[in-house]
Amino acid sequence: MRYEVVTDLTPRQALEQALADFGPSRLGLTVQSQTNLSLVFQGGGGYVAITAQPSTPVTLDIETREWDYAVQQYMARVYQRRSWWQRLWRWKPAGLARPATLTMLDE
């Protein structure tokens, strides 16, 4: 299954959250590869691959097999909408900001 989520986190913060959620200390998946913008975990008969697109806001492309529920929980954590005063503080003219979205790319 492929997913996409838009987040206000930086790529580094999003991948650190992925390490905390999927890594040995939580779900016990092993890190198969790691770069500045991607992580691949494997274990339990499946895998999770996360790639960050360095844009504003950051888009995370996530591919998984056997770990859909855990990925959906991760997506809910990184999909953090800033509080109203933070959004107002960094005000931009209408039409320039892209709303945060959660997208399921295929089933």
N, C-alpha and C. Protein backbone atom coordinates (compact mmCIF):
# COMPACT_ATOMS: atom_id res chain seq x y z
N MET A 1 0.84 -1.16 0.00
CA MET A 1 0.00 0.00 0.00
C MET A 1 0.90 1.24 0.00
N ARG A 2 0.46 2.24 -0.73
CA ARG A 2 1.21 3.50 -0.77
C ARG A 2 0.35 4.60 -0.16
N TYR A 3 1.02 5.46 0.61
CA TYR A 3 0.36 6.58 1.26
C TYR A 3 1.17 7.85 1.02
N GLU A 4 0.50 8.97 1.23
CA GLU A 4 1.17 10.27 1.17
C GLU A 4 0.57 11.13 2.27
N VAL A 5 1.43 11.85 2.98
CA VAL A 5 0.96 12.75 4.03
C VAL A 5 1.79 14.03 3.95
N VAL A 6 1.12 15.16 4.17
CA VAL A 6 1.78 16.45 4.19
C VAL A 6 1.90 16.87 5.65
N THR A 7 3.08 17.38 6.03
CA THR A 7 3.33 17.72 7.42
C THR A 7 4.07 19.05 7.52
N ASP A 8 3.93 19.69 8.67
CA ASP A 8 4.67 20.91 8.96
C ASP A 8 6.04 20.60 9.56
N LEU A 9 6.32 19.33 9.85
CA LEU A 9 7.63 18.94 10.38
C LEU A 9 8.69 19.06 9.29
N THR A 10 9.94 19.18 9.71
CA THR A 10 11.04 19.13 8.75
C THR A 10 11.26 17.68 8.34
N PRO A 11 11.94 17.42 7.22
CA PRO A 11 12.23 16.02 6.86
C PRO A 11 12.95 15.28 7.98
N ARG A 12 13.89 15.94 8.62
CA ARG A 12 14.64 15.29 9.70
C ARG A 12 13.73 14.93 10.87
N GLN A 13 12.85 15.85 11.27
CA GLN A 13 11.92 15.56 12.37
C GLN A 13 10.98 14.41 12.02
N ALA A 14 10.49 14.40 10.79
CA ALA A 14 9.57 13.34 10.36
C ALA A 14 10.27 11.98 10.37
N LEU A 15 11.52 11.93 9.92
CA LEU A 15 12.24 10.66 9.90
C LEU A 15 12.66 10.23 11.30
N GLU A 16 12.95 11.19 12.19
CA GLU A 16 13.24 10.84 13.58
C GLU A 16 12.00 10.25 14.25
N GLN A 17 10.83 10.79 13.93
CA GLN A 17 9.59 10.23 14.46
C GLN A 17 9.38 8.81 13.93
N ALA A 18 9.73 8.59 12.66
CA ALA A 18 9.61 7.24 12.08
C ALA A 18 10.54 6.26 12.80
N LEU A 19 11.76 6.69 13.10
CA LEU A 19 12.68 5.82 13.84
C LEU A 19 12.09 5.47 15.21
N ALA A 20 11.49 6.46 15.87
CA ALA A 20 10.90 6.21 17.18
C ALA A 20 9.71 5.27 17.08
N ASP A 21 8.90 5.41 16.02
CA ASP A 21 7.68 4.60 15.88
C ASP A 21 7.94 3.18 15.38
N PHE A 22 8.83 3.03 14.42
CA PHE A 22 9.03 1.74 13.76
C PHE A 22 10.30 1.00 14.20
N GLY A 23 11.22 1.70 14.81
CA GLY A 23 12.53 1.14 15.13
C GLY A 23 12.52 0.08 16.21
N PRO A 24 13.70 -0.40 16.57
CA PRO A 24 13.84 -1.50 17.52
C PRO A 24 13.20 -1.25 18.89
N SER A 25 13.15 0.01 19.32
CA SER A 25 12.61 0.28 20.64
C SER A 25 11.08 0.26 20.69
N ARG A 26 10.40 0.33 19.54
CA ARG A 26 8.93 0.34 19.56
C ARG A 26 8.35 -0.90 18.88
N LEU A 27 8.40 -0.96 17.55
CA LEU A 27 7.83 -2.10 16.83
C LEU A 27 8.85 -3.20 16.56
N GLY A 28 10.11 -2.88 16.69
CA GLY A 28 11.15 -3.89 16.50
C GLY A 28 11.57 -4.11 15.07
N LEU A 29 11.21 -3.21 14.17
CA LEU A 29 11.67 -3.35 12.77
C LEU A 29 13.13 -2.92 12.68
N THR A 30 13.85 -3.54 11.77
CA THR A 30 15.26 -3.18 11.59
C THR A 30 15.38 -2.18 10.45
N VAL A 31 16.34 -1.27 10.60
CA VAL A 31 16.59 -0.27 9.56
C VAL A 31 17.43 -0.92 8.48
N GLN A 32 16.88 -1.01 7.27
CA GLN A 32 17.60 -1.61 6.14
C GLN A 32 18.43 -0.58 5.39
N SER A 33 17.93 0.63 5.27
CA SER A 33 18.71 1.71 4.65
C SER A 33 18.23 3.04 5.20
N GLN A 34 19.15 4.01 5.20
CA GLN A 34 18.84 5.31 5.75
C GLN A 34 19.65 6.37 5.01
N THR A 35 18.96 7.42 4.55
CA THR A 35 19.62 8.59 3.96
C THR A 35 19.05 9.82 4.64
N ASN A 36 19.46 11.00 4.19
CA ASN A 36 18.94 12.23 4.77
C ASN A 36 17.44 12.40 4.53
N LEU A 37 16.93 11.80 3.45
CA LEU A 37 15.53 12.00 3.10
C LEU A 37 14.71 10.71 3.03
N SER A 38 15.29 9.57 3.46
CA SER A 38 14.52 8.33 3.39
C SER A 38 14.95 7.33 4.45
N LEU A 39 14.02 6.44 4.76
CA LEU A 39 14.26 5.33 5.69
C LEU A 39 13.52 4.11 5.17
N VAL A 40 14.14 2.95 5.32
CA VAL A 40 13.47 1.69 4.97
C VAL A 40 13.63 0.76 6.17
N PHE A 41 12.49 0.29 6.67
CA PHE A 41 12.44 -0.66 7.78
C PHE A 41 11.96 -2.00 7.25
N GLN A 42 12.44 -3.09 7.89
CA GLN A 42 11.98 -4.41 7.49
C GLN A 42 11.83 -5.28 8.73
N GLY A 43 10.83 -6.17 8.68
CA GLY A 43 10.61 -7.10 9.77
C GLY A 43 9.17 -7.54 9.82
N GLY A 44 8.92 -8.63 10.52
CA GLY A 44 7.57 -9.13 10.69
C GLY A 44 6.89 -9.52 9.38
N GLY A 45 7.66 -9.91 8.39
CA GLY A 45 7.09 -10.31 7.11
C GLY A 45 6.74 -9.17 6.19
N GLY A 46 7.15 -7.96 6.53
CA GLY A 46 6.82 -6.81 5.70
C GLY A 46 7.88 -5.74 5.77
N TYR A 47 7.53 -4.56 5.30
CA TYR A 47 8.48 -3.45 5.29
C TYR A 47 7.72 -2.13 5.33
N VAL A 48 8.46 -1.06 5.65
CA VAL A 48 7.95 0.30 5.60
C VAL A 48 9.06 1.14 4.98
N ALA A 49 8.75 1.85 3.89
CA ALA A 49 9.71 2.74 3.23
C ALA A 49 9.13 4.15 3.25
N ILE A 50 9.90 5.09 3.80
CA ILE A 50 9.45 6.48 3.92
C ILE A 50 10.43 7.38 3.19
N THR A 51 9.90 8.23 2.32
CA THR A 51 10.73 9.19 1.59
C THR A 51 10.14 10.57 1.80
N ALA A 52 10.98 11.52 2.19
CA ALA A 52 10.54 12.90 2.41
C ALA A 52 10.88 13.75 1.19
N GLN A 53 9.92 14.52 0.74
CA GLN A 53 10.13 15.47 -0.35
C GLN A 53 10.41 16.82 0.30
N PRO A 54 11.63 17.37 0.14
CA PRO A 54 11.98 18.62 0.83
C PRO A 54 11.30 19.82 0.18
N SER A 55 10.10 20.09 0.60
CA SER A 55 9.35 21.24 0.12
C SER A 55 8.69 21.89 1.33
N THR A 56 7.93 22.92 1.11
CA THR A 56 7.22 23.55 2.21
C THR A 56 5.75 23.55 1.89
N PRO A 57 4.92 22.84 2.56
CA PRO A 57 5.21 21.89 3.63
C PRO A 57 5.81 20.60 3.08
N VAL A 58 6.38 19.81 3.95
CA VAL A 58 7.05 18.56 3.58
C VAL A 58 6.02 17.49 3.23
N THR A 59 6.26 16.78 2.13
CA THR A 59 5.40 15.66 1.74
C THR A 59 6.16 14.37 2.00
N LEU A 60 5.51 13.43 2.68
CA LEU A 60 6.10 12.12 2.95
C LEU A 60 5.41 11.09 2.08
N ASP A 61 6.19 10.35 1.30
CA ASP A 61 5.69 9.22 0.53
C ASP A 61 6.02 7.96 1.33
N ILE A 62 5.01 7.17 1.59
CA ILE A 62 5.17 5.98 2.44
C ILE A 62 4.65 4.77 1.70
N GLU A 63 5.47 3.73 1.65
CA GLU A 63 5.07 2.46 1.06
C GLU A 63 5.23 1.39 2.12
N THR A 64 4.25 0.49 2.21
CA THR A 64 4.31 -0.54 3.24
C THR A 64 3.67 -1.83 2.78
N ARG A 65 4.10 -2.88 3.42
CA ARG A 65 3.45 -4.19 3.30
C ARG A 65 3.38 -4.76 4.71
N GLU A 66 2.20 -5.16 5.13
CA GLU A 66 1.94 -5.78 6.44
C GLU A 66 1.95 -4.80 7.62
N TRP A 67 2.22 -3.53 7.42
CA TRP A 67 2.30 -2.58 8.52
C TRP A 67 1.36 -1.39 8.32
N ASP A 68 0.23 -1.60 7.66
CA ASP A 68 -0.68 -0.50 7.35
C ASP A 68 -1.20 0.23 8.59
N TYR A 69 -1.61 -0.52 9.59
CA TYR A 69 -2.16 0.13 10.79
C TYR A 69 -1.10 1.01 11.46
N ALA A 70 0.12 0.50 11.61
CA ALA A 70 1.19 1.28 12.23
C ALA A 70 1.53 2.51 11.39
N VAL A 71 1.49 2.38 10.07
CA VAL A 71 1.76 3.52 9.18
C VAL A 71 0.66 4.56 9.34
N GLN A 72 -0.58 4.14 9.44
CA GLN A 72 -1.67 5.09 9.61
C GLN A 72 -1.56 5.83 10.94
N GLN A 73 -1.12 5.15 11.98
CA GLN A 73 -0.89 5.82 13.27
C GLN A 73 0.26 6.83 13.15
N TYR A 74 1.32 6.45 12.46
CA TYR A 74 2.45 7.37 12.23
C TYR A 74 1.98 8.60 11.46
N MET A 75 1.18 8.38 10.41
CA MET A 75 0.69 9.50 9.61
C MET A 75 -0.15 10.44 10.47
N ALA A 76 -0.95 9.91 11.36
CA ALA A 76 -1.76 10.75 12.25
C ALA A 76 -0.88 11.58 13.17
N ARG A 77 0.27 11.03 13.60
CA ARG A 77 1.17 11.77 14.48
C ARG A 77 1.90 12.90 13.74
N VAL A 78 2.35 12.62 12.52
CA VAL A 78 3.13 13.65 11.82
C VAL A 78 2.23 14.70 11.16
N TYR A 79 0.94 14.36 10.97
CA TYR A 79 -0.01 15.31 10.43
C TYR A 79 -0.45 16.22 11.57
N GLN A 80 0.43 17.14 11.93
CA GLN A 80 0.15 18.04 13.03
C GLN A 80 -0.19 19.40 12.46
N ARG A 81 -1.42 19.75 12.63
CA ARG A 81 -1.81 21.09 12.21
C ARG A 81 -1.40 22.05 13.31
N ARG A 82 -0.74 23.11 12.92
CA ARG A 82 -0.32 24.10 13.91
C ARG A 82 -1.54 24.74 14.56
N SER A 83 -1.36 25.22 15.78
CA SER A 83 -2.46 25.88 16.48
C SER A 83 -2.82 27.18 15.76
N TRP A 84 -3.98 27.70 16.04
CA TRP A 84 -4.48 28.87 15.31
C TRP A 84 -3.54 30.05 15.41
N TRP A 85 -2.92 30.27 16.57
CA TRP A 85 -2.05 31.42 16.70
C TRP A 85 -0.75 31.23 15.92
N GLN A 86 -0.26 29.99 15.78
CA GLN A 86 0.93 29.76 14.97
C GLN A 86 0.61 29.97 13.49
N ARG A 87 -0.57 29.54 13.06
CA ARG A 87 -0.95 29.77 11.66
C ARG A 87 -1.11 31.26 11.39
N LEU A 88 -1.68 32.00 12.35
CA LEU A 88 -1.88 33.44 12.18
C LEU A 88 -0.53 34.16 12.19
N TRP A 89 0.36 33.71 13.06
CA TRP A 89 1.68 34.35 13.18
C TRP A 89 2.45 34.26 11.87
N ARG A 90 2.39 33.13 11.19
CA ARG A 90 3.10 32.95 9.92
C ARG A 90 2.12 33.14 8.76
N TRP A 91 1.30 34.18 8.84
CA TRP A 91 0.25 34.44 7.86
C TRP A 91 0.83 34.65 6.48
N LYS A 92 0.16 34.06 5.50
CA LYS A 92 0.51 34.24 4.10
C LYS A 92 -0.77 34.59 3.36
N PRO A 93 -0.67 35.34 2.28
CA PRO A 93 -1.88 35.66 1.52
C PRO A 93 -2.59 34.40 1.06
N ALA A 94 -3.92 34.47 1.00
CA ALA A 94 -4.72 33.32 0.59
C ALA A 94 -4.31 32.83 -0.79
N GLY A 95 -4.33 31.53 -0.97
CA GLY A 95 -3.98 30.94 -2.26
C GLY A 95 -2.53 30.49 -2.33
N LEU A 96 -1.67 30.98 -1.46
CA LEU A 96 -0.27 30.58 -1.49
C LEU A 96 0.00 29.37 -0.60
N ALA A 97 -0.78 29.21 0.45
CA ALA A 97 -0.58 28.08 1.35
C ALA A 97 -1.31 26.86 0.83
N ARG A 98 -0.64 25.70 0.93
CA ARG A 98 -1.25 24.44 0.53
C ARG A 98 -1.75 23.74 1.78
N PRO A 99 -3.03 23.36 1.84
CA PRO A 99 -3.54 22.70 3.05
C PRO A 99 -2.91 21.34 3.24
N ALA A 100 -2.77 20.95 4.49
CA ALA A 100 -2.23 19.63 4.80
C ALA A 100 -3.25 18.56 4.40
N THR A 101 -2.74 17.46 3.86
CA THR A 101 -3.63 16.40 3.41
C THR A 101 -3.09 15.03 3.77
N LEU A 102 -3.99 14.08 3.85
CA LEU A 102 -3.66 12.67 3.98
C LEU A 102 -4.21 12.01 2.74
N THR A 103 -3.40 11.27 2.01
CA THR A 103 -3.85 10.67 0.76
C THR A 103 -3.46 9.21 0.71
N MET A 104 -4.41 8.33 0.35
CA MET A 104 -4.11 6.93 0.10
C MET A 104 -3.94 6.81 -1.41
N LEU A 105 -2.76 6.41 -1.87
CA LEU A 105 -2.45 6.41 -3.29
C LEU A 105 -2.98 5.18 -4.02
N ASP A 106 -2.98 4.03 -3.40
CA ASP A 106 -3.57 2.84 -4.04
C ASP A 106 -3.92 1.82 -2.98
N GLU A 107 -4.71 0.89 -3.37
CA GLU A 107 -5.11 -0.17 -2.41
C GLU A 107 -4.58 -1.49 -2.86
